[in-house]
N, C-alpha and C. Protein backbone atom coordinates (compact mmCIF):
# COMPACT_ATOMS: atom_id res chain seq x y z
N MET A 1 -15.63 27.88 13.32
CA MET A 1 -14.93 27.48 12.12
C MET A 1 -15.40 26.12 11.63
N LYS A 2 -15.65 26.02 10.38
CA LYS A 2 -16.16 24.79 9.80
C LYS A 2 -14.96 23.85 9.51
N THR A 3 -15.19 22.60 9.88
CA THR A 3 -14.14 21.62 9.61
C THR A 3 -14.30 21.00 8.23
N PHE A 4 -13.21 20.63 7.65
CA PHE A 4 -13.24 20.06 6.28
C PHE A 4 -13.44 18.60 6.42
N GLU A 5 -14.45 18.04 5.68
CA GLU A 5 -14.73 16.63 5.74
C GLU A 5 -14.38 16.10 4.38
N GLN A 6 -13.52 15.11 4.38
CA GLN A 6 -13.06 14.49 3.17
C GLN A 6 -14.08 13.40 2.78
N LYS A 7 -14.47 13.40 1.52
CA LYS A 7 -15.43 12.46 1.05
C LYS A 7 -14.78 11.39 0.18
N PRO A 8 -15.27 10.17 0.20
CA PRO A 8 -14.67 9.10 -0.66
C PRO A 8 -14.83 9.48 -2.15
N ILE A 9 -13.82 9.13 -2.88
CA ILE A 9 -13.76 9.54 -4.33
C ILE A 9 -13.76 8.33 -5.22
N GLY A 10 -13.95 7.10 -4.70
CA GLY A 10 -13.87 5.92 -5.49
C GLY A 10 -14.88 5.86 -6.61
N LYS A 11 -16.07 6.27 -6.39
CA LYS A 11 -17.10 6.20 -7.44
C LYS A 11 -16.73 7.12 -8.60
N HIS A 12 -16.24 8.34 -8.32
CA HIS A 12 -15.83 9.23 -9.38
C HIS A 12 -14.59 8.70 -10.15
N VAL A 13 -13.65 8.09 -9.42
CA VAL A 13 -12.49 7.55 -10.07
C VAL A 13 -12.92 6.40 -10.99
N PHE A 14 -13.82 5.52 -10.46
CA PHE A 14 -14.30 4.44 -11.27
C PHE A 14 -14.93 4.88 -12.56
N ILE A 15 -15.83 5.86 -12.49
CA ILE A 15 -16.53 6.35 -13.67
C ILE A 15 -15.59 7.00 -14.69
N THR A 16 -14.70 7.84 -14.12
CA THR A 16 -13.75 8.54 -15.00
C THR A 16 -12.87 7.53 -15.73
N PHE A 17 -12.22 6.63 -15.03
CA PHE A 17 -11.31 5.74 -15.71
C PHE A 17 -12.03 4.78 -16.58
N TRP A 18 -13.24 4.32 -16.16
CA TRP A 18 -13.97 3.38 -16.98
C TRP A 18 -14.42 4.10 -18.33
N PHE A 19 -14.85 5.34 -18.30
CA PHE A 19 -15.30 6.07 -19.39
C PHE A 19 -14.14 6.30 -20.39
N ILE A 20 -13.01 6.73 -19.90
CA ILE A 20 -11.84 6.96 -20.78
C ILE A 20 -11.35 5.69 -21.32
N GLY A 21 -11.25 4.64 -20.53
CA GLY A 21 -10.83 3.35 -21.00
C GLY A 21 -11.74 2.75 -22.10
N THR A 22 -13.03 2.91 -21.87
CA THR A 22 -14.04 2.41 -22.83
C THR A 22 -13.90 3.19 -24.22
N ILE A 23 -13.69 4.51 -24.12
CA ILE A 23 -13.53 5.23 -25.35
C ILE A 23 -12.29 4.76 -26.09
N LEU A 24 -11.16 4.64 -25.37
CA LEU A 24 -9.94 4.13 -26.00
C LEU A 24 -10.14 2.75 -26.57
N PHE A 25 -10.76 1.91 -25.84
CA PHE A 25 -10.99 0.52 -26.29
C PHE A 25 -11.79 0.48 -27.60
N PHE A 26 -12.90 1.18 -27.62
CA PHE A 26 -13.77 1.15 -28.85
C PHE A 26 -13.10 1.94 -30.01
N ALA A 27 -12.36 2.95 -29.73
CA ALA A 27 -11.62 3.65 -30.77
C ALA A 27 -10.61 2.75 -31.44
N PHE A 28 -9.87 1.98 -30.64
CA PHE A 28 -8.94 1.04 -31.19
C PHE A 28 -9.64 -0.12 -31.88
N TYR A 29 -10.67 -0.64 -31.20
CA TYR A 29 -11.40 -1.80 -31.78
C TYR A 29 -11.90 -1.55 -33.12
N PHE A 30 -12.41 -0.30 -33.43
CA PHE A 30 -12.97 -0.08 -34.72
C PHE A 30 -11.95 0.47 -35.73
N SER A 31 -10.89 1.08 -35.24
CA SER A 31 -9.93 1.66 -36.19
C SER A 31 -8.66 0.78 -36.40
N ARG A 32 -8.35 -0.03 -35.46
CA ARG A 32 -7.14 -0.86 -35.50
C ARG A 32 -5.89 0.02 -35.66
N ASN A 33 -5.92 1.17 -35.14
CA ASN A 33 -4.77 2.11 -35.20
C ASN A 33 -3.70 1.77 -34.20
N SER A 34 -2.51 1.46 -34.58
CA SER A 34 -1.49 1.07 -33.59
C SER A 34 -1.14 2.11 -32.54
N LEU A 35 -1.27 3.40 -32.99
CA LEU A 35 -1.01 4.48 -32.04
C LEU A 35 -2.07 4.42 -30.86
N LEU A 36 -3.31 4.14 -31.22
CA LEU A 36 -4.30 4.02 -30.16
C LEU A 36 -4.04 2.83 -29.25
N PHE A 37 -3.48 1.80 -29.82
CA PHE A 37 -3.13 0.63 -28.99
C PHE A 37 -2.07 1.01 -27.97
N MET A 38 -1.03 1.70 -28.46
CA MET A 38 0.02 2.20 -27.54
C MET A 38 -0.49 3.18 -26.48
N VAL A 39 -1.32 4.10 -26.86
CA VAL A 39 -1.90 5.07 -25.91
C VAL A 39 -2.75 4.32 -24.89
N GLY A 40 -3.53 3.35 -25.33
CA GLY A 40 -4.37 2.53 -24.42
C GLY A 40 -3.49 1.74 -23.54
N PHE A 41 -2.44 1.13 -24.00
CA PHE A 41 -1.49 0.40 -23.19
C PHE A 41 -0.97 1.18 -22.05
N TYR A 42 -0.43 2.37 -22.36
CA TYR A 42 0.16 3.19 -21.35
C TYR A 42 -0.94 3.84 -20.44
N TYR A 43 -2.13 4.04 -21.00
CA TYR A 43 -3.23 4.39 -20.17
C TYR A 43 -3.57 3.37 -19.10
N VAL A 44 -3.51 2.13 -19.47
CA VAL A 44 -3.81 1.05 -18.51
C VAL A 44 -2.71 1.06 -17.38
N ILE A 45 -1.53 1.22 -17.77
CA ILE A 45 -0.47 1.24 -16.77
C ILE A 45 -0.68 2.46 -15.85
N LEU A 46 -0.92 3.62 -16.37
CA LEU A 46 -1.19 4.79 -15.61
C LEU A 46 -2.44 4.65 -14.71
N ALA A 47 -3.49 4.10 -15.25
CA ALA A 47 -4.67 3.86 -14.52
C ALA A 47 -4.50 2.92 -13.36
N VAL A 48 -3.70 1.89 -13.56
CA VAL A 48 -3.40 0.93 -12.49
C VAL A 48 -2.72 1.61 -11.34
N VAL A 49 -1.71 2.43 -11.67
CA VAL A 49 -0.94 3.09 -10.58
C VAL A 49 -1.86 4.11 -9.84
N ILE A 50 -2.66 4.89 -10.57
CA ILE A 50 -3.43 5.94 -9.93
C ILE A 50 -4.58 5.18 -9.10
N ASN A 51 -5.21 4.21 -9.67
CA ASN A 51 -6.21 3.44 -8.99
C ASN A 51 -5.71 2.78 -7.72
N LEU A 52 -4.50 2.21 -7.78
CA LEU A 52 -3.91 1.61 -6.64
C LEU A 52 -3.64 2.60 -5.56
N LEU A 53 -3.11 3.74 -5.90
CA LEU A 53 -2.86 4.79 -4.92
C LEU A 53 -4.14 5.31 -4.24
N ILE A 54 -5.14 5.49 -5.05
CA ILE A 54 -6.46 5.94 -4.47
C ILE A 54 -7.09 4.81 -3.66
N LEU A 55 -6.93 3.57 -4.06
CA LEU A 55 -7.46 2.46 -3.31
C LEU A 55 -6.78 2.38 -1.98
N LEU A 56 -5.49 2.50 -1.91
CA LEU A 56 -4.78 2.48 -0.62
C LEU A 56 -5.19 3.61 0.24
N HIS A 57 -5.39 4.81 -0.32
CA HIS A 57 -5.87 5.95 0.43
C HIS A 57 -7.24 5.70 1.03
N GLU A 58 -8.14 5.21 0.20
CA GLU A 58 -9.49 4.96 0.67
C GLU A 58 -9.53 3.84 1.68
N PHE A 59 -8.69 2.82 1.54
CA PHE A 59 -8.61 1.74 2.50
C PHE A 59 -8.11 2.23 3.86
N SER A 60 -7.08 3.09 3.82
CA SER A 60 -6.59 3.66 5.06
C SER A 60 -7.60 4.55 5.75
N GLN A 61 -8.37 5.28 4.99
CA GLN A 61 -9.40 6.12 5.54
C GLN A 61 -10.52 5.24 6.10
N ALA A 62 -10.82 4.08 5.44
CA ALA A 62 -11.85 3.16 5.95
C ALA A 62 -11.41 2.59 7.32
N VAL A 63 -10.14 2.33 7.50
CA VAL A 63 -9.65 1.81 8.74
C VAL A 63 -9.68 2.91 9.81
N ASN A 64 -9.31 4.08 9.47
CA ASN A 64 -9.18 5.18 10.50
C ASN A 64 -10.44 5.93 10.78
N GLU A 65 -11.36 6.11 9.85
CA GLU A 65 -12.54 6.90 10.02
C GLU A 65 -13.75 6.03 10.40
N PHE A 66 -14.01 6.01 11.65
CA PHE A 66 -15.15 5.13 12.10
C PHE A 66 -16.48 5.63 11.66
N SER A 67 -16.68 6.93 11.62
CA SER A 67 -18.02 7.46 11.27
C SER A 67 -18.35 7.28 9.83
N MET A 68 -17.41 7.22 8.93
CA MET A 68 -17.71 7.09 7.52
C MET A 68 -17.14 5.76 6.92
N ARG A 69 -16.97 4.79 7.77
CA ARG A 69 -16.37 3.53 7.40
C ARG A 69 -17.05 2.90 6.17
N SER A 70 -18.36 2.82 6.21
CA SER A 70 -19.08 2.11 5.15
C SER A 70 -18.92 2.84 3.84
N LYS A 71 -18.87 4.18 3.87
CA LYS A 71 -18.67 4.96 2.63
C LYS A 71 -17.35 4.65 1.99
N TYR A 72 -16.31 4.57 2.83
CA TYR A 72 -14.98 4.35 2.30
C TYR A 72 -14.85 2.88 1.77
N TRP A 73 -15.55 1.96 2.44
CA TRP A 73 -15.44 0.58 1.96
C TRP A 73 -16.12 0.50 0.61
N SER A 74 -17.32 1.13 0.42
CA SER A 74 -17.94 1.11 -0.85
C SER A 74 -17.15 1.88 -1.92
N SER A 75 -16.38 2.83 -1.52
CA SER A 75 -15.49 3.53 -2.40
C SER A 75 -14.40 2.60 -2.89
N CYS A 76 -13.89 1.77 -2.01
CA CYS A 76 -12.90 0.80 -2.36
C CYS A 76 -13.45 -0.22 -3.34
N LEU A 77 -14.72 -0.61 -3.15
CA LEU A 77 -15.33 -1.56 -4.09
C LEU A 77 -15.53 -1.02 -5.45
N TYR A 78 -15.89 0.26 -5.53
CA TYR A 78 -16.01 0.92 -6.81
C TYR A 78 -14.65 0.88 -7.60
N ILE A 79 -13.62 1.18 -6.89
CA ILE A 79 -12.28 1.21 -7.54
C ILE A 79 -11.90 -0.21 -7.96
N LEU A 80 -12.22 -1.19 -7.13
CA LEU A 80 -11.88 -2.57 -7.50
C LEU A 80 -12.74 -3.12 -8.67
N ALA A 81 -13.85 -2.44 -8.95
CA ALA A 81 -14.75 -2.89 -10.08
C ALA A 81 -14.04 -2.62 -11.41
N ASN A 82 -13.07 -1.79 -11.42
CA ASN A 82 -12.30 -1.52 -12.71
C ASN A 82 -11.43 -2.75 -13.10
N ILE A 83 -11.07 -3.59 -12.17
CA ILE A 83 -10.20 -4.69 -12.49
C ILE A 83 -10.78 -5.69 -13.46
N PRO A 84 -12.06 -6.23 -13.26
CA PRO A 84 -12.56 -7.16 -14.24
C PRO A 84 -12.84 -6.47 -15.61
N VAL A 85 -13.20 -5.20 -15.59
CA VAL A 85 -13.47 -4.50 -16.87
C VAL A 85 -12.14 -4.41 -17.65
N THR A 86 -11.04 -4.08 -16.97
CA THR A 86 -9.75 -4.00 -17.59
C THR A 86 -9.32 -5.34 -18.18
N PHE A 87 -9.48 -6.41 -17.42
CA PHE A 87 -9.11 -7.68 -17.87
C PHE A 87 -9.88 -8.13 -19.08
N LEU A 88 -11.21 -7.83 -19.09
CA LEU A 88 -12.04 -8.13 -20.22
C LEU A 88 -11.56 -7.38 -21.47
N TYR A 89 -11.33 -6.12 -21.34
CA TYR A 89 -10.82 -5.32 -22.55
C TYR A 89 -9.54 -5.80 -23.00
N LEU A 90 -8.56 -6.18 -22.11
CA LEU A 90 -7.25 -6.65 -22.53
C LEU A 90 -7.39 -8.02 -23.17
N HIS A 91 -8.31 -8.91 -22.60
CA HIS A 91 -8.48 -10.20 -23.20
C HIS A 91 -9.03 -10.08 -24.61
N ILE A 92 -9.95 -9.23 -24.87
CA ILE A 92 -10.51 -8.99 -26.23
C ILE A 92 -9.42 -8.41 -27.14
N LEU A 93 -8.64 -7.42 -26.70
CA LEU A 93 -7.65 -6.81 -27.51
C LEU A 93 -6.56 -7.81 -27.93
N PHE A 94 -6.12 -8.64 -26.98
CA PHE A 94 -5.07 -9.50 -27.30
C PHE A 94 -5.49 -10.68 -28.18
N GLN A 95 -6.79 -10.91 -28.33
CA GLN A 95 -7.26 -11.90 -29.23
C GLN A 95 -7.11 -11.47 -30.65
N PHE A 96 -7.17 -10.15 -30.87
CA PHE A 96 -7.09 -9.52 -32.21
C PHE A 96 -5.64 -9.31 -32.66
N LEU A 97 -4.67 -9.42 -31.76
CA LEU A 97 -3.29 -9.17 -32.19
C LEU A 97 -2.63 -10.35 -32.81
């Protein structure tokens, strides 16, 4: 019987949330639509919660899985890379309000 091996998902989470956030950012930046601002604001809140949960999961896996420790640590770093991108986007947006 084949055992199930769980793989780190941090890189996929980073790319997905970065891509959606960037699309929302540029859509609002060029249109100045208040609805897009609200959608983006709630998206940031949702993204923080989801990224935090996945980060905690990947961190716990990095502590417990000795054979794949480096992969889980790099997965955590990918997820943490969303933080400066989010702060940059929020900084730019709040300058225009």
